[in-house]
Amino acid sequence: MILKPVLLSLKIASIATVFSLIIGVCLARIMTRKDFPGKNALEVLVILPMVLPPSVTGYILLILFGRRGIIGSWLYNMGISFVFSWSGAVLAACIVSLPLMYQSVKAAFINSDPIFESAARTLGASEGRIFWTVSLPLAWPGIVSGLALTFARSLGEFGATLMIAGNIPGKTQTIPLAIYFASDSGDTATANIL
């Protein structure tokens, strides 16, 4: 009974961290290297889950990804549903932890000395090669920091997960949800172990 929420939480946090890593690195690279209309609005959207209460973020996810939601109705017709599923918990964890990954990687890209990228260009390296062999290794400390913060935030996600995935023991119940409901029912021994 105690092992299931732990294993599910580790699974959800790991998957959410991978998605946040990919999305965060791509967004940070674009935001630090390109200028385009709506750039500030996009950055606000990416960072917004960090300042919104998690339950509000979960409610927005429910509006977007619910069966009658803007995106959810389309996905539901394709047989994909995030509501009351562990994939909904992954979505919630990814959305609330993405700002931490994005900010860490963005700071790492900004603080990387561009002279190394310029030197690689003068030696004839392609932009893709420069990214993989120069930019990414220079940003590695920020990426590692982002990974740690993202995993920790994903592991501890409560409000957004409860809103979109619910609390279904063995299916969507994560460690924070199990602690809350064990504590609420007076089962402090289980809550303490978790």
N, C-alpha and C. Protein backbone atom coordinates (compact mmCIF):
# COMPACT_ATOMS: atom_id res chain seq x y z
N MET A 1 0.83 -1.20 0.00
CA MET A 1 0.00 0.00 0.00
C MET A 1 0.87 1.26 0.00
N ILE A 2 1.98 1.22 0.71
CA ILE A 2 2.86 2.38 0.77
C ILE A 2 3.78 2.42 -0.45
N LEU A 3 4.13 1.27 -0.97
CA LEU A 3 5.07 1.19 -2.09
C LEU A 3 4.48 1.74 -3.39
N LYS A 4 3.19 1.54 -3.62
CA LYS A 4 2.57 1.98 -4.87
C LYS A 4 2.68 3.49 -5.08
N PRO A 5 2.33 4.33 -4.10
CA PRO A 5 2.48 5.77 -4.31
C PRO A 5 3.93 6.19 -4.53
N VAL A 6 4.86 5.50 -3.87
CA VAL A 6 6.28 5.83 -4.03
C VAL A 6 6.74 5.52 -5.45
N LEU A 7 6.42 4.32 -5.92
CA LEU A 7 6.83 3.93 -7.27
C LEU A 7 6.16 4.79 -8.33
N LEU A 8 4.88 5.08 -8.13
CA LEU A 8 4.16 5.93 -9.09
C LEU A 8 4.73 7.35 -9.10
N SER A 9 5.05 7.87 -7.93
CA SER A 9 5.64 9.21 -7.85
C SER A 9 6.99 9.28 -8.54
N LEU A 10 7.81 8.27 -8.35
CA LEU A 10 9.12 8.22 -9.02
C LEU A 10 8.95 8.14 -10.54
N LYS A 11 7.99 7.34 -10.98
CA LYS A 11 7.72 7.21 -12.41
C LYS A 11 7.24 8.55 -12.99
N ILE A 12 6.28 9.17 -12.34
CA ILE A 12 5.72 10.44 -12.82
C ILE A 12 6.79 11.52 -12.81
N ALA A 13 7.54 11.63 -11.72
CA ALA A 13 8.58 12.67 -11.62
C ALA A 13 9.66 12.46 -12.67
N SER A 14 10.04 11.22 -12.92
CA SER A 14 11.08 10.94 -13.92
C SER A 14 10.62 11.32 -15.32
N ILE A 15 9.41 10.92 -15.68
CA ILE A 15 8.89 11.24 -17.01
C ILE A 15 8.70 12.74 -17.17
N ALA A 16 8.15 13.38 -16.15
CA ALA A 16 7.94 14.83 -16.21
C ALA A 16 9.27 15.57 -16.32
N THR A 17 10.30 15.07 -15.65
CA THR A 17 11.62 15.70 -15.70
C THR A 17 12.21 15.59 -17.11
N VAL A 18 12.04 14.45 -17.75
CA VAL A 18 12.54 14.28 -19.12
C VAL A 18 11.83 15.25 -20.07
N PHE A 19 10.50 15.32 -19.98
CA PHE A 19 9.77 16.26 -20.83
C PHE A 19 10.16 17.71 -20.54
N SER A 20 10.29 18.05 -19.26
CA SER A 20 10.68 19.41 -18.89
C SER A 20 12.08 19.73 -19.40
N LEU A 21 12.97 18.75 -19.36
CA LEU A 21 14.32 18.95 -19.87
C LEU A 21 14.30 19.29 -21.36
N ILE A 22 13.60 18.49 -22.12
CA ILE A 22 13.55 18.70 -23.57
C ILE A 22 12.90 20.05 -23.90
N ILE A 23 11.74 20.30 -23.32
CA ILE A 23 11.02 21.54 -23.59
C ILE A 23 11.78 22.74 -23.05
N GLY A 24 12.32 22.61 -21.83
CA GLY A 24 13.04 23.71 -21.20
C GLY A 24 14.29 24.11 -21.96
N VAL A 25 15.07 23.14 -22.41
CA VAL A 25 16.29 23.44 -23.17
C VAL A 25 15.93 24.11 -24.50
N CYS A 26 14.93 23.56 -25.19
CA CYS A 26 14.52 24.15 -26.48
C CYS A 26 14.02 25.58 -26.30
N LEU A 27 13.14 25.78 -25.31
CA LEU A 27 12.60 27.12 -25.07
C LEU A 27 13.70 28.10 -24.65
N ALA A 28 14.57 27.66 -23.76
CA ALA A 28 15.64 28.54 -23.29
C ALA A 28 16.57 28.93 -24.43
N ARG A 29 16.86 27.99 -25.29
CA ARG A 29 17.73 28.28 -26.44
C ARG A 29 17.07 29.30 -27.38
N ILE A 30 15.82 29.07 -27.67
CA ILE A 30 15.09 30.00 -28.55
C ILE A 30 14.99 31.39 -27.92
N MET A 31 14.64 31.43 -26.64
CA MET A 31 14.43 32.72 -25.96
C MET A 31 15.73 33.50 -25.78
N THR A 32 16.86 32.82 -25.70
CA THR A 32 18.13 33.54 -25.53
C THR A 32 18.78 33.90 -26.86
N ARG A 33 18.36 33.29 -27.94
CA ARG A 33 19.04 33.52 -29.22
C ARG A 33 18.18 34.22 -30.28
N LYS A 34 16.88 34.23 -30.11
CA LYS A 34 15.99 34.77 -31.14
C LYS A 34 15.13 35.90 -30.58
N ASP A 35 14.81 36.84 -31.46
CA ASP A 35 13.82 37.87 -31.16
C ASP A 35 12.64 37.68 -32.09
N PHE A 36 11.43 37.68 -31.54
CA PHE A 36 10.23 37.50 -32.35
C PHE A 36 9.05 38.14 -31.64
N PRO A 37 8.01 38.49 -32.39
CA PRO A 37 6.82 39.08 -31.78
C PRO A 37 6.18 38.09 -30.80
N GLY A 38 5.79 38.57 -29.64
CA GLY A 38 5.15 37.72 -28.64
C GLY A 38 6.12 36.98 -27.75
N LYS A 39 7.40 37.30 -27.84
CA LYS A 39 8.42 36.60 -27.03
C LYS A 39 8.15 36.78 -25.54
N ASN A 40 7.84 38.01 -25.13
CA ASN A 40 7.59 38.26 -23.71
C ASN A 40 6.32 37.56 -23.23
N ALA A 41 5.30 37.52 -24.08
CA ALA A 41 4.06 36.83 -23.71
C ALA A 41 4.30 35.33 -23.55
N LEU A 42 5.11 34.76 -24.43
CA LEU A 42 5.44 33.34 -24.32
C LEU A 42 6.20 33.07 -23.02
N GLU A 43 7.13 33.93 -22.67
CA GLU A 43 7.89 33.74 -21.44
C GLU A 43 6.97 33.84 -20.21
N VAL A 44 6.02 34.74 -20.25
CA VAL A 44 5.05 34.86 -19.15
C VAL A 44 4.26 33.56 -19.01
N LEU A 45 3.81 32.99 -20.13
CA LEU A 45 3.06 31.73 -20.09
C LEU A 45 3.89 30.58 -19.53
N VAL A 46 5.17 30.55 -19.88
CA VAL A 46 6.04 29.48 -19.39
C VAL A 46 6.26 29.61 -17.89
N ILE A 47 6.42 30.83 -17.41
CA ILE A 47 6.74 31.06 -15.99
C ILE A 47 5.48 31.11 -15.11
N LEU A 48 4.33 31.36 -15.69
CA LEU A 48 3.09 31.53 -14.93
C LEU A 48 2.79 30.41 -13.93
N PRO A 49 2.98 29.13 -14.26
CA PRO A 49 2.69 28.09 -13.26
C PRO A 49 3.53 28.19 -11.98
N MET A 50 4.65 28.91 -12.05
CA MET A 50 5.50 29.06 -10.86
C MET A 50 4.85 30.00 -9.85
N VAL A 51 4.03 30.93 -10.32
CA VAL A 51 3.44 31.91 -9.41
C VAL A 51 1.96 31.66 -9.13
N LEU A 52 1.30 30.86 -9.97
CA LEU A 52 -0.09 30.53 -9.72
C LEU A 52 -0.19 29.47 -8.63
N PRO A 53 -1.25 29.50 -7.84
CA PRO A 53 -1.46 28.38 -6.92
C PRO A 53 -1.60 27.09 -7.72
N PRO A 54 -1.02 26.00 -7.25
CA PRO A 54 -1.09 24.74 -8.01
C PRO A 54 -2.52 24.29 -8.33
N SER A 55 -3.47 24.55 -7.44
CA SER A 55 -4.85 24.14 -7.72
C SER A 55 -5.42 24.95 -8.88
N VAL A 56 -5.02 26.20 -9.03
CA VAL A 56 -5.47 27.02 -10.15
C VAL A 56 -4.85 26.48 -11.44
N THR A 57 -3.57 26.13 -11.39
CA THR A 57 -2.92 25.53 -12.55
C THR A 57 -3.64 24.23 -12.93
N GLY A 58 -3.99 23.43 -11.95
CA GLY A 58 -4.72 22.19 -12.21
C GLY A 58 -6.09 22.45 -12.81
N TYR A 59 -6.75 23.49 -12.34
CA TYR A 59 -8.06 23.84 -12.89
C TYR A 59 -7.94 24.27 -14.35
N ILE A 60 -6.90 25.05 -14.66
CA ILE A 60 -6.66 25.47 -16.05
C ILE A 60 -6.38 24.24 -16.92
N LEU A 61 -5.59 23.30 -16.39
CA LEU A 61 -5.32 22.06 -17.13
C LEU A 61 -6.60 21.28 -17.36
N LEU A 62 -7.48 21.28 -16.37
CA LEU A 62 -8.76 20.59 -16.50
C LEU A 62 -9.62 21.24 -17.57
N ILE A 63 -9.62 22.56 -17.61
CA ILE A 63 -10.37 23.28 -18.65
C ILE A 63 -9.80 22.98 -20.03
N LEU A 64 -8.48 22.94 -20.12
CA LEU A 64 -7.84 22.69 -21.42
C LEU A 64 -7.91 21.23 -21.84
N PHE A 65 -7.66 20.30 -20.90
CA PHE A 65 -7.49 18.90 -21.26
C PHE A 65 -8.63 17.99 -20.81
N GLY A 66 -9.68 18.55 -20.22
CA GLY A 66 -10.85 17.74 -19.86
C GLY A 66 -11.56 17.27 -21.12
N ARG A 67 -12.49 16.35 -20.96
CA ARG A 67 -13.19 15.78 -22.13
C ARG A 67 -13.90 16.84 -22.97
N ARG A 68 -14.36 17.89 -22.33
CA ARG A 68 -15.02 18.97 -23.07
C ARG A 68 -14.13 20.19 -23.20
N GLY A 69 -12.85 20.01 -22.90
CA GLY A 69 -11.90 21.11 -22.95
C GLY A 69 -11.48 21.46 -24.36
N ILE A 70 -10.78 22.56 -24.47
CA ILE A 70 -10.34 23.08 -25.76
C ILE A 70 -9.47 22.05 -26.50
N ILE A 71 -8.51 21.49 -25.80
CA ILE A 71 -7.60 20.49 -26.40
C ILE A 71 -8.10 19.08 -26.09
N GLY A 72 -8.66 18.90 -24.90
CA GLY A 72 -9.08 17.58 -24.44
C GLY A 72 -10.16 16.94 -25.29
N SER A 73 -11.11 17.72 -25.81
CA SER A 73 -12.17 17.14 -26.63
C SER A 73 -11.59 16.55 -27.91
N TRP A 74 -10.64 17.25 -28.47
CA TRP A 74 -9.97 16.76 -29.69
C TRP A 74 -9.18 15.49 -29.38
N LEU A 75 -8.43 15.50 -28.26
CA LEU A 75 -7.64 14.32 -27.87
C LEU A 75 -8.54 13.14 -27.51
N TYR A 76 -9.66 13.45 -26.84
CA TYR A 76 -10.59 12.38 -26.44
C TYR A 76 -11.15 11.64 -27.65
N ASN A 77 -11.41 12.38 -28.73
CA ASN A 77 -11.89 11.74 -29.96
C ASN A 77 -10.83 10.83 -30.57
N MET A 78 -9.57 11.06 -30.23
CA MET A 78 -8.48 10.21 -30.71
C MET A 78 -8.16 9.09 -29.72
N GLY A 79 -8.92 9.03 -28.62
CA GLY A 79 -8.72 7.99 -27.63
C GLY A 79 -7.71 8.32 -26.55
N ILE A 80 -7.33 9.62 -26.43
CA ILE A 80 -6.35 10.04 -25.44
C ILE A 80 -7.06 10.86 -24.37
N SER A 81 -6.84 10.51 -23.12
CA SER A 81 -7.44 11.25 -22.01
C SER A 81 -6.42 11.45 -20.90
N PHE A 82 -6.31 12.68 -20.41
CA PHE A 82 -5.40 12.98 -19.31
C PHE A 82 -6.12 12.99 -17.96
N VAL A 83 -7.44 13.10 -17.96
CA VAL A 83 -8.20 13.22 -16.73
C VAL A 83 -8.28 11.87 -16.03
N PHE A 84 -8.03 11.86 -14.72
CA PHE A 84 -8.06 10.67 -13.88
C PHE A 84 -7.14 9.57 -14.40
N SER A 85 -5.94 9.96 -14.83
CA SER A 85 -4.96 8.98 -15.29
C SER A 85 -3.57 9.42 -14.83
N TRP A 86 -2.63 8.48 -14.82
CA TRP A 86 -1.28 8.83 -14.41
C TRP A 86 -0.64 9.77 -15.42
N SER A 87 -1.06 9.70 -16.69
CA SER A 87 -0.53 10.64 -17.68
C SER A 87 -0.96 12.07 -17.37
N GLY A 88 -2.13 12.23 -16.76
CA GLY A 88 -2.56 13.56 -16.30
C GLY A 88 -1.67 14.06 -15.18
N ALA A 89 -1.23 13.15 -14.32
CA ALA A 89 -0.30 13.52 -13.25
C ALA A 89 1.05 13.94 -13.83
N VAL A 90 1.48 13.26 -14.90
CA VAL A 90 2.73 13.63 -15.58
C VAL A 90 2.57 15.02 -16.19
N LEU A 91 1.45 15.27 -16.84
CA LEU A 91 1.18 16.59 -17.43
C LEU A 91 1.23 17.67 -16.36
N ALA A 92 0.56 17.45 -15.24
CA ALA A 92 0.54 18.43 -14.16
C ALA A 92 1.95 18.67 -13.61
N ALA A 93 2.69 17.60 -13.36
CA ALA A 93 4.04 17.74 -12.84
C ALA A 93 4.95 18.46 -13.82
N CYS A 94 4.80 18.16 -15.09
CA CYS A 94 5.62 18.81 -16.12
C CYS A 94 5.32 20.30 -16.20
N ILE A 95 4.06 20.66 -16.18
CA ILE A 95 3.67 22.07 -16.29
C ILE A 95 4.15 22.88 -15.09
N VAL A 96 4.01 22.34 -13.88
CA VAL A 96 4.41 23.12 -12.70
C VAL A 96 5.92 23.16 -12.50
N SER A 97 6.64 22.17 -13.05
CA SER A 97 8.09 22.16 -12.86
C SER A 97 8.86 22.78 -14.03
N LEU A 98 8.22 22.93 -15.17
CA LEU A 98 8.88 23.50 -16.35
C LEU A 98 9.52 24.87 -16.09
N PRO A 99 8.87 25.77 -15.37
CA PRO A 99 9.51 27.08 -15.13
C PRO A 99 10.86 26.97 -14.44
N LEU A 100 11.02 26.00 -13.55
CA LEU A 100 12.30 25.83 -12.85
C LEU A 100 13.39 25.38 -13.81
N MET A 101 13.05 24.45 -14.69
CA MET A 101 14.01 23.99 -15.69
C MET A 101 14.35 25.13 -16.65
N TYR A 102 13.33 25.79 -17.13
CA TYR A 102 13.51 26.87 -18.10
C TYR A 102 14.40 27.98 -17.54
N GLN A 103 14.13 28.42 -16.33
CA GLN A 103 14.90 29.51 -15.73
C GLN A 103 16.36 29.11 -15.51
N SER A 104 16.59 27.89 -15.06
CA SER A 104 17.96 27.42 -14.83
C SER A 104 18.75 27.34 -16.12
N VAL A 105 18.14 26.77 -17.16
CA VAL A 105 18.84 26.61 -18.43
C VAL A 105 19.01 27.95 -19.12
N LYS A 106 18.00 28.80 -19.04
CA LYS A 106 18.10 30.13 -19.64
C LYS A 106 19.26 30.91 -19.03
N ALA A 107 19.36 30.88 -17.71
CA ALA A 107 20.47 31.57 -17.03
C ALA A 107 21.81 30.98 -17.46
N ALA A 108 21.87 29.68 -17.63
CA ALA A 108 23.12 29.04 -18.06
C ALA A 108 23.50 29.47 -19.47
N PHE A 109 22.52 29.54 -20.37
CA PHE A 109 22.81 29.99 -21.74
C PHE A 109 23.24 31.45 -21.77
N ILE A 110 22.58 32.28 -20.96
CA ILE A 110 22.93 33.71 -20.92
C ILE A 110 24.34 33.91 -20.39
N ASN A 111 24.72 33.13 -19.39
CA ASN A 111 26.03 33.29 -18.75
C ASN A 111 27.17 32.58 -19.48
N SER A 112 26.84 31.81 -20.52
CA SER A 112 27.89 31.16 -21.32
C SER A 112 28.54 32.21 -22.21
N ASP A 113 29.86 32.20 -22.24
CA ASP A 113 30.60 33.16 -23.05
C ASP A 113 30.39 32.85 -24.54
N PRO A 114 29.82 33.80 -25.30
CA PRO A 114 29.54 33.54 -26.72
C PRO A 114 30.80 33.45 -27.59
N ILE A 115 31.95 33.78 -27.02
CA ILE A 115 33.18 33.72 -27.81
C ILE A 115 33.50 32.29 -28.26
N PHE A 116 33.10 31.30 -27.43
CA PHE A 116 33.35 29.91 -27.79
C PHE A 116 32.49 29.48 -28.99
N GLU A 117 31.25 29.93 -29.02
CA GLU A 117 30.39 29.64 -30.17
C GLU A 117 30.93 30.35 -31.41
N SER A 118 31.38 31.58 -31.26
CA SER A 118 31.95 32.33 -32.39
C SER A 118 33.19 31.63 -32.93
N ALA A 119 34.02 31.13 -32.03
CA ALA A 119 35.23 30.42 -32.45
C ALA A 119 34.87 29.16 -33.24
N ALA A 120 33.84 28.45 -32.78
CA ALA A 120 33.41 27.24 -33.49
C ALA A 120 32.88 27.59 -34.88
N ARG A 121 32.16 28.71 -34.99
CA ARG A 121 31.67 29.14 -36.31
C ARG A 121 32.81 29.46 -37.25
N THR A 122 33.85 30.13 -36.74
CA THR A 122 34.99 30.47 -37.61
C THR A 122 35.74 29.23 -38.06
N LEU A 123 35.61 28.14 -37.30
CA LEU A 123 36.24 26.88 -37.68
C LEU A 123 35.34 26.04 -38.60
N GLY A 124 34.17 26.60 -38.94
CA GLY A 124 33.29 25.95 -39.90
C GLY A 124 32.26 25.00 -39.32
N ALA A 125 32.05 25.02 -38.02
CA ALA A 125 31.06 24.13 -37.41
C ALA A 125 29.64 24.62 -37.73
N SER A 126 28.74 23.66 -37.96
CA SER A 126 27.34 24.01 -38.21
C SER A 126 26.68 24.44 -36.90
N GLU A 127 25.52 25.10 -37.01
CA GLU A 127 24.82 25.56 -35.81
C GLU A 127 24.40 24.38 -34.92
N GLY A 128 24.01 23.29 -35.55
CA GLY A 128 23.65 22.10 -34.77
C GLY A 128 24.84 21.53 -34.01
N ARG A 129 25.96 21.47 -34.68
CA ARG A 129 27.16 20.97 -34.01
C ARG A 129 27.61 21.91 -32.89
N ILE A 130 27.51 23.21 -33.14
CA ILE A 130 27.86 24.19 -32.10
C ILE A 130 26.98 23.99 -30.87
N PHE A 131 25.68 23.79 -31.12
CA PHE A 131 24.76 23.59 -29.99
C PHE A 131 25.14 22.36 -29.18
N TRP A 132 25.36 21.23 -29.85
CA TRP A 132 25.62 19.97 -29.14
C TRP A 132 27.02 19.88 -28.53
N THR A 133 28.02 20.51 -29.17
CA THR A 133 29.39 20.34 -28.69
C THR A 133 29.95 21.54 -27.94
N VAL A 134 29.29 22.70 -28.04
CA VAL A 134 29.80 23.88 -27.36
C VAL A 134 28.76 24.44 -26.37
N SER A 135 27.60 24.82 -26.89
CA SER A 135 26.59 25.49 -26.06
C SER A 135 26.08 24.60 -24.93
N LEU A 136 25.69 23.38 -25.27
CA LEU A 136 25.14 22.48 -24.26
C LEU A 136 26.15 22.12 -23.18
N PRO A 137 27.39 21.76 -23.52
CA PRO A 137 28.37 21.50 -22.46
C PRO A 137 28.65 22.72 -21.58
N LEU A 138 28.66 23.92 -22.16
CA LEU A 138 28.88 25.12 -21.35
C LEU A 138 27.71 25.37 -20.39
N ALA A 139 26.52 24.98 -20.80
CA ALA A 139 25.32 25.20 -19.97
C ALA A 139 25.07 24.04 -19.01
N TRP A 140 25.92 23.03 -19.03
CA TRP A 140 25.68 21.81 -18.25
C TRP A 140 25.41 22.06 -16.76
N PRO A 141 26.17 22.92 -16.07
CA PRO A 141 25.84 23.14 -14.64
C PRO A 141 24.42 23.65 -14.43
N GLY A 142 23.94 24.55 -15.30
CA GLY A 142 22.57 25.03 -15.19
C GLY A 142 21.55 23.96 -15.51
N ILE A 143 21.88 23.08 -16.44
CA ILE A 143 20.98 21.99 -16.79
C ILE A 143 20.87 21.00 -15.63
N VAL A 144 21.99 20.69 -15.01
CA VAL A 144 21.97 19.78 -13.85
C VAL A 144 21.16 20.38 -12.71
N SER A 145 21.35 21.66 -12.47
CA SER A 145 20.58 22.36 -11.44
C SER A 145 19.09 22.30 -11.77
N GLY A 146 18.76 22.55 -13.03
CA GLY A 146 17.37 22.48 -13.47
C GLY A 146 16.79 21.09 -13.31
N LEU A 147 17.57 20.06 -13.61
CA LEU A 147 17.12 18.68 -13.45
C LEU A 147 16.78 18.38 -11.99
N ALA A 148 17.65 18.80 -11.08
CA ALA A 148 17.41 18.55 -9.65
C ALA A 148 16.15 19.27 -9.17
N LEU A 149 16.02 20.54 -9.53
CA LEU A 149 14.85 21.32 -9.11
C LEU A 149 13.57 20.76 -9.72
N THR A 150 13.63 20.41 -11.00
CA THR A 150 12.45 19.90 -11.70
C THR A 150 12.00 18.56 -11.11
N PHE A 151 12.95 17.67 -10.85
CA PHE A 151 12.60 16.37 -10.29
C PHE A 151 11.98 16.54 -8.90
N ALA A 152 12.59 17.40 -8.08
CA ALA A 152 12.07 17.61 -6.73
C ALA A 152 10.66 18.22 -6.77
N ARG A 153 10.46 19.18 -7.65
CA ARG A 153 9.14 19.83 -7.75
C ARG A 153 8.11 18.85 -8.29
N SER A 154 8.49 18.03 -9.25
CA SER A 154 7.58 17.02 -9.81
C SER A 154 7.21 15.98 -8.77
N LEU A 155 8.18 15.60 -7.97
CA LEU A 155 7.94 14.60 -6.92
C LEU A 155 6.97 15.12 -5.86
N GLY A 156 7.04 16.41 -5.58
CA GLY A 156 6.20 16.99 -4.53
C GLY A 156 4.92 17.62 -5.02
N GLU A 157 4.61 17.50 -6.30
CA GLU A 157 3.41 18.14 -6.85
C GLU A 157 2.14 17.58 -6.22
N PHE A 158 1.26 18.48 -5.80
CA PHE A 158 0.03 18.08 -5.12
C PHE A 158 -1.22 18.67 -5.78
N GLY A 159 -1.33 20.00 -5.79
CA GLY A 159 -2.58 20.66 -6.18
C GLY A 159 -3.02 20.41 -7.61
N ALA A 160 -2.13 20.62 -8.56
CA ALA A 160 -2.49 20.42 -9.97
C ALA A 160 -2.78 18.95 -10.24
N THR A 161 -2.01 18.07 -9.60
CA THR A 161 -2.22 16.63 -9.78
C THR A 161 -3.59 16.22 -9.26
N LEU A 162 -3.97 16.72 -8.10
CA LEU A 162 -5.27 16.38 -7.53
C LEU A 162 -6.40 16.85 -8.44
N MET A 163 -6.25 18.03 -9.04
CA MET A 163 -7.30 18.57 -9.90
C MET A 163 -7.49 17.76 -11.18
N ILE A 164 -6.40 17.38 -11.85
CA ILE A 164 -6.55 16.72 -13.15
C ILE A 164 -6.52 15.20 -13.06
N ALA A 165 -5.73 14.65 -12.16
CA ALA A 165 -5.58 13.20 -12.09
C ALA A 165 -6.40 12.57 -10.96
N GLY A 166 -6.78 13.36 -9.98
CA GLY A 166 -7.53 12.84 -8.85
C GLY A 166 -6.65 12.06 -7.90
N ASN A 167 -7.29 11.36 -6.98
CA ASN A 167 -6.58 10.56 -5.98
C ASN A 167 -7.14 9.14 -6.02
N ILE A 168 -6.69 8.37 -6.98
CA ILE A 168 -7.17 7.01 -7.13
C ILE A 168 -6.04 6.08 -6.67
N PRO A 169 -6.20 5.44 -5.49
CA PRO A 169 -5.14 4.56 -4.99
C PRO A 169 -4.75 3.50 -6.02
N GLY A 170 -3.44 3.36 -6.22
CA GLY A 170 -2.91 2.40 -7.17
C GLY A 170 -2.90 2.88 -8.60
N LYS A 171 -3.56 4.01 -8.88
CA LYS A 171 -3.62 4.50 -10.26
C LYS A 171 -3.06 5.91 -10.39
N THR A 172 -3.50 6.82 -9.52
CA THR A 172 -3.02 8.21 -9.62
C THR A 172 -2.55 8.76 -8.27
N GLN A 173 -2.56 7.95 -7.23
CA GLN A 173 -2.18 8.44 -5.91
C GLN A 173 -0.66 8.51 -5.77
N THR A 174 -0.16 9.74 -5.69
CA THR A 174 1.28 9.98 -5.52
C THR A 174 1.60 10.14 -4.04
N ILE A 175 2.87 10.28 -3.72
CA ILE A 175 3.28 10.42 -2.32
C ILE A 175 2.58 11.60 -1.63
N PRO A 176 2.60 12.82 -2.21
CA PRO A 176 1.94 13.93 -1.52
C PRO A 176 0.44 13.69 -1.30
N LEU A 177 -0.22 13.09 -2.29
CA LEU A 177 -1.65 12.81 -2.13
C LEU A 177 -1.87 11.76 -1.05
N ALA A 178 -1.04 10.72 -1.03
CA ALA A 178 -1.17 9.66 -0.02
C ALA A 178 -0.92 10.23 1.38
N ILE A 179 0.05 11.11 1.51
CA ILE A 179 0.33 11.73 2.82
C ILE A 179 -0.88 12.56 3.27
N TYR A 180 -1.40 13.35 2.36
CA TYR A 180 -2.53 14.22 2.72
C TYR A 180 -3.74 13.41 3.17
N PHE A 181 -4.10 12.40 2.36
CA PHE A 181 -5.30 11.65 2.69
C PHE A 181 -5.09 10.72 3.88
N ALA A 182 -3.87 10.22 4.10
CA ALA A 182 -3.58 9.43 5.31
C ALA A 182 -3.67 10.32 6.54
N SER A 183 -3.10 11.50 6.45
CA SER A 183 -3.15 12.45 7.56
C SER A 183 -4.59 12.89 7.84
N ASP A 184 -5.34 13.13 6.78
CA ASP A 184 -6.73 13.58 6.92
C ASP A 184 -7.60 12.52 7.58
N SER A 185 -7.29 11.25 7.32
CA SER A 185 -8.08 10.18 7.93
C SER A 185 -7.55 9.75 9.30
N GLY A 186 -6.51 10.41 9.77
CA GLY A 186 -5.96 10.10 11.09
C GLY A 186 -4.91 9.00 11.08
N ASP A 187 -4.51 8.54 9.93
CA ASP A 187 -3.51 7.48 9.82
C ASP A 187 -2.11 8.12 9.78
N THR A 188 -1.69 8.64 10.94
CA THR A 188 -0.41 9.34 10.98
C THR A 188 0.78 8.40 10.79
N ALA A 189 0.63 7.14 11.12
CA ALA A 189 1.73 6.18 10.94
C ALA A 189 2.08 6.06 9.44
N THR A 190 1.07 5.89 8.60
CA THR A 190 1.32 5.81 7.15
C THR A 190 1.86 7.12 6.62
N ALA A 191 1.29 8.23 7.07
CA ALA A 191 1.74 9.55 6.64
C ALA A 191 3.21 9.76 7.02
N ASN A 192 3.58 9.34 8.22
CA ASN A 192 4.98 9.49 8.67
C ASN A 192 5.94 8.64 7.83
N ILE A 193 5.53 7.42 7.52
CA ILE A 193 6.38 6.54 6.70
C ILE A 193 6.58 7.15 5.31
N LEU A 194 5.48 7.64 4.72
CA LEU A 194 5.57 8.25 3.40
C LEU A 194 6.40 9.52 3.45
